[in-house]
Amino acid sequence: MRLGVELVARSPTRLGLGSFFETWLMLPAGVLRRSLGRDEYHLPVVIQAGRRLAGTGRTYICQIDAEAAGLGPNQARPCLPVPVPLPAGSQVVLGLRTNVFRDLPALVDGVHLVLRTDLAEPVSATLDDPRLVAEEMLPGRYRIGLGRLLPAA
């Protein structure tokens, strides 16, 4: 299966110079290296509700306010799904490091995620969805268990 995750703003989100998101996927055997995503914002912008803030599997650097330039909405590029070897019963975890949402309640209020695979339609879920397990490891650092959102292979 190919798998990618996007973080989407739940309400308008003001990002400043130096705002960033790092995302990656982990299996019990370790991090899937090609899943690393990095989203950096090099100017102040507002990401409207329903627009992407970050995604796995690629790098995105925002250096232009697309809305102000008349180029469409400000948002990160779509995730780039990567192959994930998933034995039955495996747990997939999304790792996240950011300086935008510094505690779990702010993250839960600020984003929802979209899980994209090649086996099913995208699945959207808020971080307080009972199918997810979201943990704050340190300020701005999170683990989000995705297992119950994954489609049956």
C-alpha atoms as a PDB file:
ATOM      1  CA  MET A   1       0.000   0.000   0.000  1.00  0.00           C
ATOM      2  CA  ARG A   2       1.040   3.603  -0.565  1.00  0.00           C
ATOM      3  CA  LEU A   3       0.281   5.976   2.292  1.00  0.00           C
ATOM      4  CA  GLY A   4       0.463   9.726   2.879  1.00  0.00           C
ATOM      5  CA  VAL A   5      -0.949  12.133   5.459  1.00  0.00           C
ATOM      6  CA  GLU A   6      -1.897  15.798   5.206  1.00  0.00           C
ATOM      7  CA  LEU A   7      -2.596  18.240   8.027  1.00  0.00           C
ATOM      8  CA  VAL A   8      -5.467  20.575   7.190  1.00  0.00           C
ATOM      9  CA  ALA A   9      -6.435  23.779   9.006  1.00  0.00           C
ATOM     10  CA  ARG A  10      -9.715  23.599  10.964  1.00  0.00           C
ATOM     11  CA  SER A  11      -9.937  27.398  11.172  1.00  0.00           C
ATOM     12  CA  PRO A  12      -7.928  30.239   9.618  1.00  0.00           C
ATOM     13  CA  THR A  13      -4.334  29.777  10.801  1.00  0.00           C
ATOM     14  CA  ARG A  14      -1.879  32.654  10.892  1.00  0.00           C
ATOM     15  CA  LEU A  15       1.678  31.521  10.173  1.00  0.00           C
ATOM     16  CA  GLY A  16       4.714  33.716  10.587  1.00  0.00           C
ATOM     17  CA  LEU A  17       8.242  33.794   9.294  1.00  0.00           C
ATOM     18  CA  GLY A  18       9.915  30.595  10.490  1.00  0.00           C
ATOM     19  CA  SER A  19       6.755  28.532  11.039  1.00  0.00           C
ATOM     20  CA  PHE A  20       7.376  24.877  10.201  1.00  0.00           C
ATOM     21  CA  PHE A  21       5.954  21.359  10.255  1.00  0.00           C
ATOM     22  CA  GLU A  22       7.991  18.144  10.030  1.00  0.00           C
ATOM     23  CA  THR A  23       6.006  14.961   9.457  1.00  0.00           C
ATOM     24  CA  TRP A  24       7.012  11.329   9.053  1.00  0.00           C
ATOM     25  CA  LEU A  25       5.500   7.852   9.171  1.00  0.00           C
ATOM     26  CA  MET A  26       6.725   5.141  11.539  1.00  0.00           C
ATOM     27  CA  LEU A  27       6.191   1.407  11.780  1.00  0.00           C
ATOM     28  CA  PRO A  28       7.286  -0.748  14.722  1.00  0.00           C
ATOM     29  CA  ALA A  29      10.506  -1.424  12.748  1.00  0.00           C
ATOM     30  CA  GLY A  30      11.295   2.301  12.514  1.00  0.00           C
ATOM     31  CA  VAL A  31      10.795   5.453  10.466  1.00  0.00           C
ATOM     32  CA  LEU A  32       9.940   5.181   6.784  1.00  0.00           C
ATOM     33  CA  ARG A  33      12.669   7.484   5.456  1.00  0.00           C
ATOM     34  CA  ARG A  34      10.955   8.465   2.227  1.00  0.00           C
ATOM     35  CA  SER A  35       7.928   9.582   4.226  1.00  0.00           C
ATOM     36  CA  LEU A  36       9.641  12.643   5.710  1.00  0.00           C
ATOM     37  CA  GLY A  37       7.775  15.846   4.948  1.00  0.00           C
ATOM     38  CA  ARG A  38       8.944  19.360   5.747  1.00  0.00           C
ATOM     39  CA  ASP A  39       6.812  22.470   5.317  1.00  0.00           C
ATOM     40  CA  GLU A  40       8.399  25.868   5.968  1.00  0.00           C
ATOM     41  CA  TYR A  41       6.803  29.291   5.827  1.00  0.00           C
ATOM     42  CA  HIS A  42       9.241  32.097   5.024  1.00  0.00           C
ATOM     43  CA  LEU A  43       6.752  34.957   5.279  1.00  0.00           C
ATOM     44  CA  PRO A  44       3.571  35.769   7.195  1.00  0.00           C
ATOM     45  CA  VAL A  45       0.505  34.126   5.587  1.00  0.00           C
ATOM     46  CA  VAL A  46      -2.947  32.964   6.606  1.00  0.00           C
ATOM     47  CA  ILE A  47      -3.998  29.436   5.702  1.00  0.00           C
ATOM     48  CA  GLN A  48      -7.794  29.334   5.493  1.00  0.00           C
ATOM     49  CA  ALA A  49      -9.930  26.571   7.020  1.00  0.00           C
ATOM     50  CA  GLY A  50      -9.950  23.454   4.860  1.00  0.00           C
ATOM     51  CA  ARG A  51      -6.533  24.162   3.301  1.00  0.00           C
ATOM     52  CA  ARG A  52      -3.356  22.110   3.717  1.00  0.00           C
ATOM     53  CA  LEU A  53      -0.773  23.172   6.277  1.00  0.00           C
ATOM     54  CA  ALA A  54       1.606  20.222   5.836  1.00  0.00           C
ATOM     55  CA  GLY A  55       2.044  16.772   4.327  1.00  0.00           C
ATOM     56  CA  THR A  56       4.297  13.733   4.345  1.00  0.00           C
ATOM     57  CA  GLY A  57       6.741  12.625   1.670  1.00  0.00           C
ATOM     58  CA  ARG A  58       7.987  15.924   0.245  1.00  0.00           C
ATOM     59  CA  THR A  59       9.344  19.380   1.058  1.00  0.00           C
ATOM     60  CA  TYR A  60       7.348  22.572   0.594  1.00  0.00           C
ATOM     61  CA  ILE A  61       8.736  26.064   1.178  1.00  0.00           C
ATOM     62  CA  CYS A  62       6.230  28.923   1.097  1.00  0.00           C
ATOM     63  CA  GLN A  63       7.951  32.100  -0.118  1.00  0.00           C
ATOM     64  CA  ILE A  64       5.011  33.924  -1.698  1.00  0.00           C
ATOM     65  CA  ASP A  65       1.570  34.923  -0.468  1.00  0.00           C
ATOM     66  CA  ALA A  66      -0.398  33.254  -3.262  1.00  0.00           C
ATOM     67  CA  GLU A  67      -3.682  34.912  -2.273  1.00  0.00           C
ATOM     68  CA  ALA A  68      -2.171  38.411  -2.279  1.00  0.00           C
ATOM     69  CA  ALA A  69      -0.582  37.694  -5.688  1.00  0.00           C
ATOM     70  CA  GLY A  70      -3.911  36.493  -7.129  1.00  0.00           C
ATOM     71  CA  LEU A  71      -2.612  32.935  -7.609  1.00  0.00           C
ATOM     72  CA  GLY A  72      -5.219  31.116  -5.516  1.00  0.00           C
ATOM     73  CA  PRO A  73      -5.405  30.057  -1.899  1.00  0.00           C
ATOM     74  CA  ASN A  74      -2.369  29.733   0.336  1.00  0.00           C
ATOM     75  CA  GLN A  75      -1.754  26.080   1.147  1.00  0.00           C
ATOM     76  CA  ALA A  76       0.969  23.453   1.183  1.00  0.00           C
ATOM     77  CA  ARG A  77       1.407  21.015  -1.690  1.00  0.00           C
ATOM     78  CA  PRO A  78      -0.352  17.628  -1.442  1.00  0.00           C
ATOM     79  CA  CYS A  79       1.426  14.814   0.352  1.00  0.00           C
ATOM     80  CA  LEU A  80       3.453  12.316  -1.650  1.00  0.00           C
ATOM     81  CA  PRO A  81       2.310   8.816  -0.597  1.00  0.00           C
ATOM     82  CA  VAL A  82       5.100   6.290  -0.068  1.00  0.00           C
ATOM     83  CA  PRO A  83       5.117   2.482  -0.092  1.00  0.00           C
ATOM     84  CA  VAL A  84       4.364   1.081   3.352  1.00  0.00           C
ATOM     85  CA  PRO A  85       4.944  -2.628   4.033  1.00  0.00           C
ATOM     86  CA  LEU A  86       2.097  -3.441   6.393  1.00  0.00           C
ATOM     87  CA  PRO A  87       1.945  -6.903   7.914  1.00  0.00           C
ATOM     88  CA  ALA A  88      -1.469  -7.707   9.403  1.00  0.00           C
ATOM     89  CA  GLY A  89      -2.057  -5.884  12.666  1.00  0.00           C
ATOM     90  CA  SER A  90       0.802  -3.416  12.191  1.00  0.00           C
ATOM     91  CA  GLN A  91       0.560  -0.012  13.791  1.00  0.00           C
ATOM     92  CA  VAL A  92       1.364   3.050  11.682  1.00  0.00           C
ATOM     93  CA  VAL A  93       2.224   6.235  13.539  1.00  0.00           C
ATOM     94  CA  LEU A  94       2.447   9.785  12.217  1.00  0.00           C
ATOM     95  CA  GLY A  95       5.267  11.731  13.838  1.00  0.00           C
ATOM     96  CA  LEU A  96       4.926  15.507  13.936  1.00  0.00           C
ATOM     97  CA  ARG A  97       7.210  18.307  15.052  1.00  0.00           C
ATOM     98  CA  THR A  98       6.070  21.924  14.753  1.00  0.00           C
ATOM     99  CA  ASN A  99       6.492  25.352  16.269  1.00  0.00           C
ATOM    100  CA  VAL A 100       2.923  26.365  15.351  1.00  0.00           C
ATOM    101  CA  PHE A 101       0.863  24.247  17.762  1.00  0.00           C
ATOM    102  CA  ARG A 102       2.881  23.921  20.978  1.00  0.00           C
ATOM    103  CA  ASP A 103       0.478  21.703  22.974  1.00  0.00           C
ATOM    104  CA  LEU A 104      -1.967  18.918  22.199  1.00  0.00           C
ATOM    105  CA  PRO A 105      -5.181  20.918  22.834  1.00  0.00           C
ATOM    106  CA  ALA A 106      -4.001  23.602  20.380  1.00  0.00           C
ATOM    107  CA  LEU A 107      -3.147  20.920  17.794  1.00  0.00           C
ATOM    108  CA  VAL A 108      -6.531  19.192  18.237  1.00  0.00           C
ATOM    109  CA  ASP A 109      -8.335  22.526  17.829  1.00  0.00           C
ATOM    110  CA  GLY A 110      -6.129  23.652  14.932  1.00  0.00           C
ATOM    111  CA  VAL A 111      -5.922  20.739  12.498  1.00  0.00           C
ATOM    112  CA  HIS A 112      -7.553  17.635  11.174  1.00  0.00           C
ATOM    113  CA  LEU A 113      -5.733  15.052   9.119  1.00  0.00           C
ATOM    114  CA  VAL A 114      -6.417  13.455   5.778  1.00  0.00           C
ATOM    115  CA  LEU A 115      -5.076   9.956   5.213  1.00  0.00           C
ATOM    116  CA  ARG A 116      -4.447   9.126   1.548  1.00  0.00           C
ATOM    117  CA  THR A 117      -3.833   5.625   0.231  1.00  0.00           C
ATOM    118  CA  ASP A 118      -3.984   3.889  -3.128  1.00  0.00           C
ATOM    119  CA  LEU A 119      -6.500   1.376  -1.705  1.00  0.00           C
ATOM    120  CA  ALA A 120      -9.407   3.651  -0.774  1.00  0.00           C
ATOM    121  CA  GLU A 121     -10.803   7.156  -0.914  1.00  0.00           C
ATOM    122  CA  PRO A 122      -9.124   9.716   1.378  1.00  0.00           C
ATOM    123  CA  VAL A 123     -10.199   9.544   5.018  1.00  0.00           C
ATOM    124  CA  SER A 124     -10.504  12.723   7.065  1.00  0.00           C
ATOM    125  CA  ALA A 125     -10.481  12.738  10.871  1.00  0.00           C
ATOM    126  CA  THR A 126     -10.124  15.211  13.686  1.00  0.00           C
ATOM    127  CA  LEU A 127      -7.408  14.417  16.213  1.00  0.00           C
ATOM    128  CA  ASP A 128      -9.985  13.718  18.924  1.00  0.00           C
ATOM    129  CA  ASP A 129     -11.546  10.995  16.730  1.00  0.00           C
ATOM    130  CA  PRO A 130     -11.640   7.736  18.748  1.00  0.00           C
ATOM    131  CA  ARG A 131      -9.970   5.908  15.828  1.00  0.00           C
ATOM    132  CA  LEU A 132      -6.799   7.950  16.446  1.00  0.00           C
ATOM    133  CA  VAL A 133      -4.417   7.994  19.379  1.00  0.00           C
ATOM    134  CA  ALA A 134      -2.715  11.394  19.674  1.00  0.00           C
ATOM    135  CA  GLU A 135       0.056  11.896  22.240  1.00  0.00           C
ATOM    136  CA  GLU A 136       2.179  14.913  23.070  1.00  0.00           C
ATOM    137  CA  MET A 137       5.782  13.791  23.560  1.00  0.00           C
ATOM    138  CA  LEU A 138       7.249  17.263  24.207  1.00  0.00           C
ATOM    139  CA  PRO A 139       5.966  20.771  23.419  1.00  0.00           C
ATOM    140  CA  GLY A 140       5.440  20.831  19.658  1.00  0.00           C
ATOM    141  CA  ARG A 141       6.248  17.119  19.226  1.00  0.00           C
ATOM    142  CA  TYR A 142       3.518  14.506  18.722  1.00  0.00           C
ATOM    143  CA  ARG A 143       2.797  10.860  17.884  1.00  0.00           C
ATOM    144  CA  ILE A 144      -0.517  10.042  16.242  1.00  0.00           C
ATOM    145  CA  GLY A 145      -1.506   6.386  15.885  1.00  0.00           C
ATOM    146  CA  LEU A 146      -3.289   5.878  12.552  1.00  0.00           C
ATOM    147  CA  GLY A 147      -4.038   2.134  12.715  1.00  0.00           C
ATOM    148  CA  ARG A 148      -7.834   2.265  12.898  1.00  0.00           C
ATOM    149  CA  LEU A 149      -8.072   4.705   9.961  1.00  0.00           C
ATOM    150  CA  LEU A 150      -6.188   2.429   7.565  1.00  0.00           C
ATOM    151  CA  PRO A 151      -8.208   0.530   4.972  1.00  0.00           C
ATOM    152  CA  ALA A 152      -8.248  -3.265   5.103  1.00  0.00           C
ATOM    153  CA  ALA A 153      -5.649  -4.588   2.680  1.00  0.00           C
END
